[in-house]
Amino acid sequence: MESAAPSNAEQKANALAFERITCTFAARNAAPRARDSHYTAVRDATLAVAPGEFVSVVGPTGCGKSTLLNVAAGLLAPSSGHVEVFGKRLHGINRHAGYMFQVDALMPWRSTLANVTAGLEFRGTERATAQERAREWLARVGLAGFEDRYPHQLSGGMRKRAALAQMLILDPQILLMDEPFSALDVQTRQLMENELLELWSANRKSVLFITHDLEEAISLSDRVIVLSAGPATHPIAEFAIDLPRPRDVAEIRMTPRFVELHSAIWHPLKSEVLKGYAQSKAG
């Protein structure tokens, strides 16, 4: 997605704001006029991300976290409510945002270098300039020397590094991240989390990070938002994460304050997880 730097006036507003978002879909295999012919994934959800703030959203499986991210990206229009980006109502694609999916979006027929240059090429950047910038970003994410490798020749962690460079090379002001590290082993995941924090600290973007992992959410974030179990999910609690920065995600998890925060957030989250589990068994 193409990014444009916000004006001074825009920078004073929230980078991203959901105003009473509701998303309703047609239910599968339901008769058109049946009472249960529609499914409300999200109802009256209001939340915001300030400029430069790292916000994580946690909630039970299937509660609508990814739906909110798709609304923020402009890939899904809400049934009611609206999204504001730097104080302006969003219509269509969010061109201030970059999106990192749970499954990487690398094109298997393109080399690592060609994958990272793709966004700039689509924007019309001269090829030599695009390649120079891509090499710089690959070096920043630890992939110098792997420019000619194809995705199938890279490890899972290396593909995530390439996907991160693919997003950041376009200099988006908002990073939308949908469980980007969930498929990685624990050690690689922690390396990628620290890599993300280092890159984020260098040029503070606004981040909306979706995760099932409460420890990951606390380790990375300035604020954690808890969503209710679906259907009709909505924020039920939020917690400021007052852990010092810079952080090492492995070391910070052993501190007393981390344990306190984990306990405080897990209490409302556990209740919603149990509700979601009960609903899945009943359904």
C-alpha atoms as a PDB file:
ATOM      1  CA  MET A   1       0.000   0.000   0.000  1.00  0.00           C
ATOM      2  CA  GLU A   2       1.333   3.431  -0.890  1.00  0.00           C
ATOM      3  CA  SER A   3       2.115   5.707   2.048  1.00  0.00           C
ATOM      4  CA  ALA A   4       2.002   9.484   2.274  1.00  0.00           C
ATOM      5  CA  ALA A   5       3.433  11.356   5.241  1.00  0.00           C
ATOM      6  CA  PRO A   6       0.700  12.947   7.382  1.00  0.00           C
ATOM      7  CA  SER A   7       0.582  16.737   7.747  1.00  0.00           C
ATOM      8  CA  ASN A   8       1.300  18.504  11.054  1.00  0.00           C
ATOM      9  CA  ALA A   9      -2.427  18.791  11.749  1.00  0.00           C
ATOM     10  CA  GLU A  10      -2.964  15.119  10.970  1.00  0.00           C
ATOM     11  CA  GLN A  11      -0.105  14.081  13.258  1.00  0.00           C
ATOM     12  CA  LYS A  12      -1.959  15.584  16.237  1.00  0.00           C
ATOM     13  CA  ALA A  13      -4.882  13.209  15.668  1.00  0.00           C
ATOM     14  CA  ASN A  14      -4.888   9.483  16.364  1.00  0.00           C
ATOM     15  CA  ALA A  15      -3.063   7.542  13.690  1.00  0.00           C
ATOM     16  CA  LEU A  16      -5.946   5.092  13.597  1.00  0.00           C
ATOM     17  CA  ALA A  17      -9.370   5.284  15.216  1.00  0.00           C
ATOM     18  CA  PHE A  18     -12.303   2.849  15.055  1.00  0.00           C
ATOM     19  CA  GLU A  19     -15.572   4.606  15.783  1.00  0.00           C
ATOM     20  CA  ARG A  20     -18.408   2.216  16.737  1.00  0.00           C
ATOM     21  CA  ILE A  21     -17.473  -0.352  14.097  1.00  0.00           C
ATOM     22  CA  THR A  22     -19.974  -3.114  13.368  1.00  0.00           C
ATOM     23  CA  CYS A  23     -19.345  -5.861  10.799  1.00  0.00           C
ATOM     24  CA  THR A  24     -22.214  -8.172   9.856  1.00  0.00           C
ATOM     25  CA  PHE A  25     -22.003 -10.978   7.309  1.00  0.00           C
ATOM     26  CA  ALA A  26     -24.432 -13.405   5.724  1.00  0.00           C
ATOM     27  CA  ALA A  27     -24.366 -16.663   7.695  1.00  0.00           C
ATOM     28  CA  ARG A  28     -23.303 -19.792   5.849  1.00  0.00           C
ATOM     29  CA  ASN A  29     -26.068 -22.166   4.712  1.00  0.00           C
ATOM     30  CA  ALA A  30     -28.787 -19.979   6.236  1.00  0.00           C
ATOM     31  CA  ALA A  31     -32.106 -19.248   4.578  1.00  0.00           C
ATOM     32  CA  PRO A  32     -32.200 -15.599   3.407  1.00  0.00           C
ATOM     33  CA  ARG A  33     -35.093 -14.611   5.687  1.00  0.00           C
ATOM     34  CA  ALA A  34     -34.197 -16.768   8.660  1.00  0.00           C
ATOM     35  CA  ARG A  35     -33.623 -15.091  12.021  1.00  0.00           C
ATOM     36  CA  ASP A  36     -30.024 -16.332  12.038  1.00  0.00           C
ATOM     37  CA  SER A  37     -29.301 -15.493   8.394  1.00  0.00           C
ATOM     38  CA  HIS A  38     -26.672 -12.944   9.449  1.00  0.00           C
ATOM     39  CA  TYR A  39     -23.626 -13.177  11.662  1.00  0.00           C
ATOM     40  CA  THR A  40     -22.297 -10.107  13.483  1.00  0.00           C
ATOM     41  CA  ALA A  41     -18.559 -10.584  13.929  1.00  0.00           C
ATOM     42  CA  VAL A  42     -17.889  -7.165  15.497  1.00  0.00           C
ATOM     43  CA  ARG A  43     -20.370  -4.821  17.195  1.00  0.00           C
ATOM     44  CA  ASP A  44     -19.859  -1.189  18.281  1.00  0.00           C
ATOM     45  CA  ALA A  45     -16.083  -1.553  18.558  1.00  0.00           C
ATOM     46  CA  THR A  46     -14.287   1.675  19.441  1.00  0.00           C
ATOM     47  CA  LEU A  47     -10.514   1.881  19.879  1.00  0.00           C
ATOM     48  CA  ALA A  48      -7.613   4.048  18.795  1.00  0.00           C
ATOM     49  CA  VAL A  49      -3.872   3.950  18.145  1.00  0.00           C
ATOM     50  CA  ALA A  50      -1.876   7.128  18.758  1.00  0.00           C
ATOM     51  CA  PRO A  51       0.982   8.243  16.489  1.00  0.00           C
ATOM     52  CA  GLY A  52       4.043   6.150  17.307  1.00  0.00           C
ATOM     53  CA  GLU A  53       2.113   3.840  19.645  1.00  0.00           C
ATOM     54  CA  PHE A  54       2.441   0.044  19.633  1.00  0.00           C
ATOM     55  CA  VAL A  55      -0.956  -1.494  20.443  1.00  0.00           C
ATOM     56  CA  SER A  56      -1.679  -5.221  20.603  1.00  0.00           C
ATOM     57  CA  VAL A  57      -5.129  -6.782  20.464  1.00  0.00           C
ATOM     58  CA  VAL A  58      -5.783 -10.146  22.134  1.00  0.00           C
ATOM     59  CA  GLY A  59      -8.930 -12.229  22.352  1.00  0.00           C
ATOM     60  CA  PRO A  60     -10.345 -15.722  21.949  1.00  0.00           C
ATOM     61  CA  THR A  61      -9.939 -17.635  18.704  1.00  0.00           C
ATOM     62  CA  GLY A  62     -12.452 -16.516  16.092  1.00  0.00           C
ATOM     63  CA  CYS A  63     -13.515 -13.387  17.939  1.00  0.00           C
ATOM     64  CA  GLY A  64     -12.998 -10.982  15.029  1.00  0.00           C
ATOM     65  CA  LYS A  65      -9.458  -9.682  15.538  1.00  0.00           C
ATOM     66  CA  SER A  66      -8.514 -10.105  11.878  1.00  0.00           C
ATOM     67  CA  THR A  67     -11.829  -8.538  10.831  1.00  0.00           C
ATOM     68  CA  LEU A  68     -10.830  -5.340  12.635  1.00  0.00           C
ATOM     69  CA  LEU A  69      -7.443  -5.377  10.931  1.00  0.00           C
ATOM     70  CA  ASN A  70      -9.062  -5.758   7.499  1.00  0.00           C
ATOM     71  CA  VAL A  71     -11.328  -2.812   8.294  1.00  0.00           C
ATOM     72  CA  ALA A  72      -8.267  -0.745   9.293  1.00  0.00           C
ATOM     73  CA  ALA A  73      -6.585  -1.636   6.000  1.00  0.00           C
ATOM     74  CA  GLY A  74      -9.641  -0.616   4.010  1.00  0.00           C
ATOM     75  CA  LEU A  75     -10.015  -4.155   2.651  1.00  0.00           C
ATOM     76  CA  LEU A  76     -13.395  -4.530   4.353  1.00  0.00           C
ATOM     77  CA  ALA A  77     -16.070  -1.857   4.683  1.00  0.00           C
ATOM     78  CA  PRO A  78     -17.867  -1.942   8.051  1.00  0.00           C
ATOM     79  CA  SER A  79     -21.630  -2.408   8.140  1.00  0.00           C
ATOM     80  CA  SER A  80     -21.812   0.672  10.365  1.00  0.00           C
ATOM     81  CA  GLY A  81     -19.397   3.032  12.056  1.00  0.00           C
ATOM     82  CA  HIS A  82     -16.241   4.369  10.451  1.00  0.00           C
ATOM     83  CA  VAL A  83     -12.456   4.460  10.625  1.00  0.00           C
ATOM     84  CA  GLU A  84     -10.365   7.620  10.839  1.00  0.00           C
ATOM     85  CA  VAL A  85      -6.725   7.751   9.754  1.00  0.00           C
ATOM     86  CA  PHE A  86      -4.793  10.743  11.100  1.00  0.00           C
ATOM     87  CA  GLY A  87      -8.101  12.508  11.681  1.00  0.00           C
ATOM     88  CA  LYS A  88      -9.589  11.862   8.233  1.00  0.00           C
ATOM     89  CA  ARG A  89     -12.351   9.379   7.540  1.00  0.00           C
ATOM     90  CA  LEU A  90     -11.130   6.338   5.625  1.00  0.00           C
ATOM     91  CA  HIS A  91     -12.692   5.662   2.229  1.00  0.00           C
ATOM     92  CA  GLY A  92     -11.243   2.717   0.327  1.00  0.00           C
ATOM     93  CA  ILE A  93      -7.704   1.427   0.837  1.00  0.00           C
ATOM     94  CA  ASN A  94      -5.701   2.842   3.745  1.00  0.00           C
ATOM     95  CA  ARG A  95      -2.697   4.279   1.925  1.00  0.00           C
ATOM     96  CA  HIS A  96      -0.940   5.181   5.172  1.00  0.00           C
ATOM     97  CA  ALA A  97      -0.761   1.517   6.174  1.00  0.00           C
ATOM     98  CA  GLY A  98       1.347  -1.539   5.484  1.00  0.00           C
ATOM     99  CA  TYR A  99      -0.111  -4.994   6.162  1.00  0.00           C
ATOM    100  CA  MET A 100       1.867  -8.048   7.303  1.00  0.00           C
ATOM    101  CA  PHE A 101      -0.239 -11.192   7.103  1.00  0.00           C
ATOM    102  CA  GLN A 102      -0.084 -14.349   9.189  1.00  0.00           C
ATOM    103  CA  VAL A 103       0.996 -16.202   6.032  1.00  0.00           C
ATOM    104  CA  ASP A 104       3.720 -14.300   4.215  1.00  0.00           C
ATOM    105  CA  ALA A 105       2.815 -12.712   0.902  1.00  0.00           C
ATOM    106  CA  LEU A 106       6.087 -13.512  -0.871  1.00  0.00           C
ATOM    107  CA  MET A 107       5.657 -14.435  -4.515  1.00  0.00           C
ATOM    108  CA  PRO A 108       7.286 -17.858  -5.085  1.00  0.00           C
ATOM    109  CA  TRP A 109       8.439 -17.038  -8.628  1.00  0.00           C
ATOM    110  CA  ARG A 110      10.385 -13.962  -7.537  1.00  0.00           C
ATOM    111  CA  SER A 111      13.726 -13.835  -5.769  1.00  0.00           C
ATOM    112  CA  THR A 112      14.034 -12.283  -2.322  1.00  0.00           C
ATOM    113  CA  LEU A 113      15.306  -9.060  -3.879  1.00  0.00           C
ATOM    114  CA  ALA A 114      12.502  -9.014  -6.452  1.00  0.00           C
ATOM    115  CA  ASN A 115       9.894  -9.612  -3.742  1.00  0.00           C
ATOM    116  CA  VAL A 116      11.139  -6.687  -1.697  1.00  0.00           C
ATOM    117  CA  THR A 117      11.282  -4.361  -4.718  1.00  0.00           C
ATOM    118  CA  ALA A 118       7.764  -5.330  -5.888  1.00  0.00           C
ATOM    119  CA  GLY A 119       5.905  -2.553  -4.057  1.00  0.00           C
ATOM    120  CA  LEU A 120       8.277   0.137  -5.299  1.00  0.00           C
ATOM    121  CA  GLU A 121       8.026  -1.211  -8.860  1.00  0.00           C
ATOM    122  CA  PHE A 122       4.228  -1.101  -8.712  1.00  0.00           C
ATOM    123  CA  ARG A 123       4.557   2.498  -7.529  1.00  0.00           C
ATOM    124  CA  GLY A 124       6.716   3.338 -10.551  1.00  0.00           C
ATOM    125  CA  THR A 125      10.117   3.669  -8.867  1.00  0.00           C
ATOM    126  CA  GLU A 126      13.072   3.278 -11.225  1.00  0.00           C
ATOM    127  CA  ARG A 127      14.396  -0.289 -11.098  1.00  0.00           C
ATOM    128  CA  ALA A 128      17.946   0.589 -10.076  1.00  0.00           C
ATOM    129  CA  THR A 129      16.699   2.820  -7.266  1.00  0.00           C
ATOM    130  CA  ALA A 130      14.254   0.159  -6.091  1.00  0.00           C
ATOM    131  CA  GLN A 131      16.970  -2.484  -6.022  1.00  0.00           C
ATOM    132  CA  GLU A 132      19.358  -0.234  -4.121  1.00  0.00           C
ATOM    133  CA  ARG A 133      16.752   0.453  -1.449  1.00  0.00           C
ATOM    134  CA  ALA A 134      15.792  -3.227  -1.307  1.00  0.00           C
ATOM    135  CA  ARG A 135      19.408  -4.247  -0.698  1.00  0.00           C
ATOM    136  CA  GLU A 136      19.584  -1.711   2.140  1.00  0.00           C
ATOM    137  CA  TRP A 137      16.436  -3.134   3.736  1.00  0.00           C
ATOM    138  CA  LEU A 138      17.574  -6.733   3.313  1.00  0.00           C
ATOM    139  CA  ALA A 139      20.790  -5.811   5.110  1.00  0.00           C
ATOM    140  CA  ARG A 140      18.772  -4.180   7.913  1.00  0.00           C
ATOM    141  CA  VAL A 141      16.751  -7.354   8.481  1.00  0.00           C
ATOM    142  CA  GLY A 142      19.796  -9.628   8.310  1.00  0.00           C
ATOM    143  CA  LEU A 143      19.329 -10.998   4.794  1.00  0.00           C
ATOM    144  CA  ALA A 144      22.348  -9.516   3.020  1.00  0.00           C
ATOM    145  CA  GLY A 145      23.703 -12.203   0.725  1.00  0.00           C
ATOM    146  CA  PHE A 146      20.317 -13.849   0.226  1.00  0.00           C
ATOM    147  CA  GLU A 147      19.055 -11.501  -2.481  1.00  0.00           C
ATOM    148  CA  ASP A 148      18.985 -14.201  -5.183  1.00  0.00           C
ATOM    149  CA  ARG A 149      17.314 -16.902  -3.080  1.00  0.00           C
ATOM    150  CA  TYR A 150      13.702 -17.833  -3.740  1.00  0.00           C
ATOM    151  CA  PRO A 151      11.130 -18.195  -0.926  1.00  0.00           C
ATOM    152  CA  HIS A 152      11.345 -22.002  -0.919  1.00  0.00           C
ATOM    153  CA  GLN A 153      15.082 -21.685  -0.289  1.00  0.00           C
ATOM    154  CA  LEU A 154      14.572 -19.610   2.870  1.00  0.00           C
ATOM    155  CA  SER A 155      13.762 -20.749   6.399  1.00  0.00           C
ATOM    156  CA  GLY A 156      10.521 -19.648   8.035  1.00  0.00           C
ATOM    157  CA  GLY A 157      12.294 -16.911   9.971  1.00  0.00           C
ATOM    158  CA  MET A 158      14.085 -15.671   6.850  1.00  0.00           C
ATOM    159  CA  ARG A 159      10.792 -15.479   4.953  1.00  0.00           C
ATOM    160  CA  LYS A 160       9.357 -13.386   7.780  1.00  0.00           C
ATOM    161  CA  ARG A 161      12.379 -11.069   7.592  1.00  0.00           C
ATOM    162  CA  ALA A 162      11.845 -10.715   3.854  1.00  0.00           C
ATOM    163  CA  ALA A 163       8.140  -9.995   4.386  1.00  0.00           C
ATOM    164  CA  LEU A 164       9.043  -7.368   6.986  1.00  0.00           C
ATOM    165  CA  ALA A 165      11.423  -5.678   4.530  1.00  0.00           C
ATOM    166  CA  GLN A 166       8.743  -5.937   1.822  1.00  0.00           C
ATOM    167  CA  MET A 167       6.372  -3.936   4.016  1.00  0.00           C
ATOM    168  CA  LEU A 168       8.792  -1.426   5.533  1.00  0.00           C
ATOM    169  CA  ILE A 169      10.492  -0.437   2.272  1.00  0.00           C
ATOM    170  CA  LEU A 170       7.299   1.471   1.387  1.00  0.00           C
ATOM    171  CA  ASP A 171       7.639   3.538   4.582  1.00  0.00           C
ATOM    172  CA  PRO A 172       4.047   3.155   5.833  1.00  0.00           C
ATOM    173  CA  GLN A 173       3.037   5.325   8.783  1.00  0.00           C
ATOM    174  CA  ILE A 174       0.870   2.526  10.243  1.00  0.00           C
ATOM    175  CA  LEU A 175       1.839  -1.132  10.536  1.00  0.00           C
ATOM    176  CA  LEU A 176      -1.017  -3.648  10.588  1.00  0.00           C
ATOM    177  CA  MET A 177       0.280  -7.040  11.702  1.00  0.00           C
ATOM    178  CA  ASP A 178      -1.888 -10.176  11.851  1.00  0.00           C
ATOM    179  CA  GLU A 179      -0.110 -12.779  14.011  1.00  0.00           C
ATOM    180  CA  PRO A 180       2.976 -12.461  11.797  1.00  0.00           C
ATOM    181  CA  PHE A 181       5.210 -14.744  13.896  1.00  0.00           C
ATOM    182  CA  SER A 182       2.709 -17.387  15.037  1.00  0.00           C
ATOM    183  CA  ALA A 183       4.053 -20.141  12.760  1.00  0.00           C
ATOM    184  CA  LEU A 184       7.657 -19.805  13.962  1.00  0.00           C
ATOM    185  CA  ASP A 185       9.406 -21.862  16.615  1.00  0.00           C
ATOM    186  CA  VAL A 186       9.852 -20.164  19.999  1.00  0.00           C
ATOM    187  CA  GLN A 187      13.499 -19.193  19.540  1.00  0.00           C
ATOM    188  CA  THR A 188      13.037 -17.773  16.038  1.00  0.00           C
ATOM    189  CA  ARG A 189       9.888 -16.011  17.155  1.00  0.00           C
ATOM    190  CA  GLN A 190      11.719 -14.175  19.944  1.00  0.00           C
ATOM    191  CA  LEU A 191      14.470 -13.158  17.529  1.00  0.00           C
ATOM    192  CA  MET A 192      11.865 -11.740  15.145  1.00  0.00           C
ATOM    193  CA  GLU A 193      10.064  -9.931  17.975  1.00  0.00           C
ATOM    194  CA  ASN A 194      13.312  -8.242  19.019  1.00  0.00           C
ATOM    195  CA  GLU A 195      14.046  -7.446  15.383  1.00  0.00           C
ATOM    196  CA  LEU A 196      10.647  -5.800  15.048  1.00  0.00           C
ATOM    197  CA  LEU A 197      11.145  -3.745  18.230  1.00  0.00           C
ATOM    198  CA  GLU A 198      14.554  -2.568  17.034  1.00  0.00           C
ATOM    199  CA  LEU A 199      13.192  -1.463  13.664  1.00  0.00           C
ATOM    200  CA  TRP A 200      10.148   0.153  15.296  1.00  0.00           C
ATOM    201  CA  SER A 201      12.285   2.051  17.823  1.00  0.00           C
ATOM    202  CA  ALA A 202      14.420   3.537  15.045  1.00  0.00           C
ATOM    203  CA  ASN A 203      11.442   5.287  13.431  1.00  0.00           C
ATOM    204  CA  ARG A 204       8.331   4.979  15.551  1.00  0.00           C
ATOM    205  CA  LYS A 205       5.445   3.906  13.392  1.00  0.00           C
ATOM    206  CA  SER A 206       1.958   3.307  14.739  1.00  0.00           C
ATOM    207  CA  VAL A 207       1.392  -0.430  15.134  1.00  0.00           C
ATOM    208  CA  LEU A 208      -1.809  -2.453  15.487  1.00  0.00           C
ATOM    209  CA  PHE A 209      -0.639  -5.980  16.282  1.00  0.00           C
ATOM    210  CA  ILE A 210      -2.992  -8.967  16.427  1.00  0.00           C
ATOM    211  CA  THR A 211      -1.892 -11.976  18.473  1.00  0.00           C
ATOM    212  CA  HIS A 212      -3.215 -14.954  20.434  1.00  0.00           C
ATOM    213  CA  ASP A 213      -0.099 -14.894  22.599  1.00  0.00           C
ATOM    214  CA  LEU A 214      -0.529 -12.710  25.691  1.00  0.00           C
ATOM    215  CA  GLU A 215       3.188 -12.871  26.528  1.00  0.00           C
ATOM    216  CA  GLU A 216       4.011 -11.600  23.035  1.00  0.00           C
ATOM    217  CA  ALA A 217       1.469  -8.792  23.375  1.00  0.00           C
ATOM    218  CA  ILE A 218       2.882  -7.589  26.700  1.00  0.00           C
ATOM    219  CA  SER A 219       6.507  -7.904  25.579  1.00  0.00           C
ATOM    220  CA  LEU A 220       6.022  -5.754  22.492  1.00  0.00           C
ATOM    221  CA  SER A 221       3.378  -3.202  23.342  1.00  0.00           C
ATOM    222  CA  ASP A 222       2.650   0.173  24.881  1.00  0.00           C
ATOM    223  CA  ARG A 223      -0.954  -0.918  25.384  1.00  0.00           C
ATOM    224  CA  VAL A 224      -2.903  -4.192  25.224  1.00  0.00           C
ATOM    225  CA  ILE A 225      -6.611  -4.312  24.318  1.00  0.00           C
ATOM    226  CA  VAL A 226      -8.730  -7.356  25.234  1.00  0.00           C
ATOM    227  CA  LEU A 227     -11.660  -8.316  22.997  1.00  0.00           C
ATOM    228  CA  SER A 228     -14.739 -10.223  24.075  1.00  0.00           C
ATOM    229  CA  ALA A 229     -15.625 -13.641  22.731  1.00  0.00           C
ATOM    230  CA  GLY A 230     -17.613 -13.573  19.504  1.00  0.00           C
ATOM    231  CA  PRO A 231     -20.059 -13.098  18.012  1.00  0.00           C
ATOM    232  CA  ALA A 232     -20.489  -9.321  18.334  1.00  0.00           C
ATOM    233  CA  THR A 233     -16.986  -8.891  19.690  1.00  0.00           C
ATOM    234  CA  HIS A 234     -15.922  -5.557  21.180  1.00  0.00           C
ATOM    235  CA  PRO A 235     -13.153  -4.249  23.453  1.00  0.00           C
ATOM    236  CA  ILE A 236     -13.807  -5.066  27.114  1.00  0.00           C
ATOM    237  CA  ALA A 237     -10.546  -3.918  28.723  1.00  0.00           C
ATOM    238  CA  GLU A 238      -7.274  -2.183  27.992  1.00  0.00           C
ATOM    239  CA  PHE A 239      -4.016  -2.082  29.881  1.00  0.00           C
ATOM    240  CA  ALA A 240      -1.079   0.326  29.694  1.00  0.00           C
ATOM    241  CA  ILE A 241       2.208  -1.591  29.536  1.00  0.00           C
ATOM    242  CA  ASP A 242       4.642   0.407  31.659  1.00  0.00           C
ATOM    243  CA  LEU A 243       7.676  -1.823  31.126  1.00  0.00           C
ATOM    244  CA  PRO A 244      10.867   0.105  30.313  1.00  0.00           C
ATOM    245  CA  ARG A 245      12.226   0.356  26.793  1.00  0.00           C
ATOM    246  CA  PRO A 246      14.347  -0.800  25.045  1.00  0.00           C
ATOM    247  CA  ARG A 247      13.225  -4.356  25.767  1.00  0.00           C
ATOM    248  CA  ASP A 248      14.539  -7.836  25.187  1.00  0.00           C
ATOM    249  CA  VAL A 249      11.405  -9.944  24.858  1.00  0.00           C
ATOM    250  CA  ALA A 250      12.942 -12.953  26.609  1.00  0.00           C
ATOM    251  CA  GLU A 251      14.471 -11.041  29.502  1.00  0.00           C
ATOM    252  CA  ILE A 252      11.481  -8.766  30.127  1.00  0.00           C
ATOM    253  CA  ARG A 253       9.246 -11.794  30.726  1.00  0.00           C
ATOM    254  CA  MET A 254      11.219 -12.684  33.864  1.00  0.00           C
ATOM    255  CA  THR A 255      10.626  -9.343  35.604  1.00  0.00           C
ATOM    256  CA  PRO A 256       8.124  -8.983  38.479  1.00  0.00           C
ATOM    257  CA  ARG A 257       6.199  -6.235  36.691  1.00  0.00           C
ATOM    258  CA  PHE A 258       5.704  -8.449  33.630  1.00  0.00           C
ATOM    259  CA  VAL A 259       4.243 -11.164  35.847  1.00  0.00           C
ATOM    260  CA  GLU A 260       1.895  -8.615  37.459  1.00  0.00           C
ATOM    261  CA  LEU A 261       0.696  -7.370  34.078  1.00  0.00           C
ATOM    262  CA  HIS A 262       0.226 -10.888  32.760  1.00  0.00           C
ATOM    263  CA  SER A 263      -1.913 -11.800  35.762  1.00  0.00           C
ATOM    264  CA  ALA A 264      -4.021  -8.637  35.463  1.00  0.00           C
ATOM    265  CA  ILE A 265      -4.692  -9.092  31.735  1.00  0.00           C
ATOM    266  CA  TRP A 266      -5.176 -12.855  31.871  1.00  0.00           C
ATOM    267  CA  HIS A 267      -8.084 -12.532  34.307  1.00  0.00           C
ATOM    268  CA  PRO A 268     -10.547 -10.893  31.831  1.00  0.00           C
ATOM    269  CA  LEU A 269      -9.003 -12.693  28.860  1.00  0.00           C
ATOM    270  CA  LYS A 270      -9.417 -16.135  30.454  1.00  0.00           C
ATOM    271  CA  SER A 271     -13.108 -15.469  31.049  1.00  0.00           C
ATOM    272  CA  GLU A 272     -13.637 -14.654  27.359  1.00  0.00           C
ATOM    273  CA  VAL A 273     -11.543 -17.622  26.197  1.00  0.00           C
ATOM    274  CA  LEU A 274     -13.725 -19.935  28.288  1.00  0.00           C
ATOM    275  CA  LYS A 275     -16.865 -18.349  26.799  1.00  0.00           C
ATOM    276  CA  GLY A 276     -15.517 -18.849  23.308  1.00  0.00           C
ATOM    277  CA  TYR A 277     -14.591 -22.452  24.038  1.00  0.00           C
ATOM    278  CA  ALA A 278     -18.066 -23.179  25.433  1.00  0.00           C
ATOM    279  CA  GLN A 279     -19.688 -21.615  22.363  1.00  0.00           C
ATOM    280  CA  SER A 280     -17.518 -23.690  20.004  1.00  0.00           C
ATOM    281  CA  LYS A 281     -18.535 -26.910  21.797  1.00  0.00           C
ATOM    282  CA  ALA A 282     -22.209 -25.931  21.746  1.00  0.00           C
ATOM    283  CA  GLY A 283     -22.069 -24.989  18.065  1.00  0.00           C
END
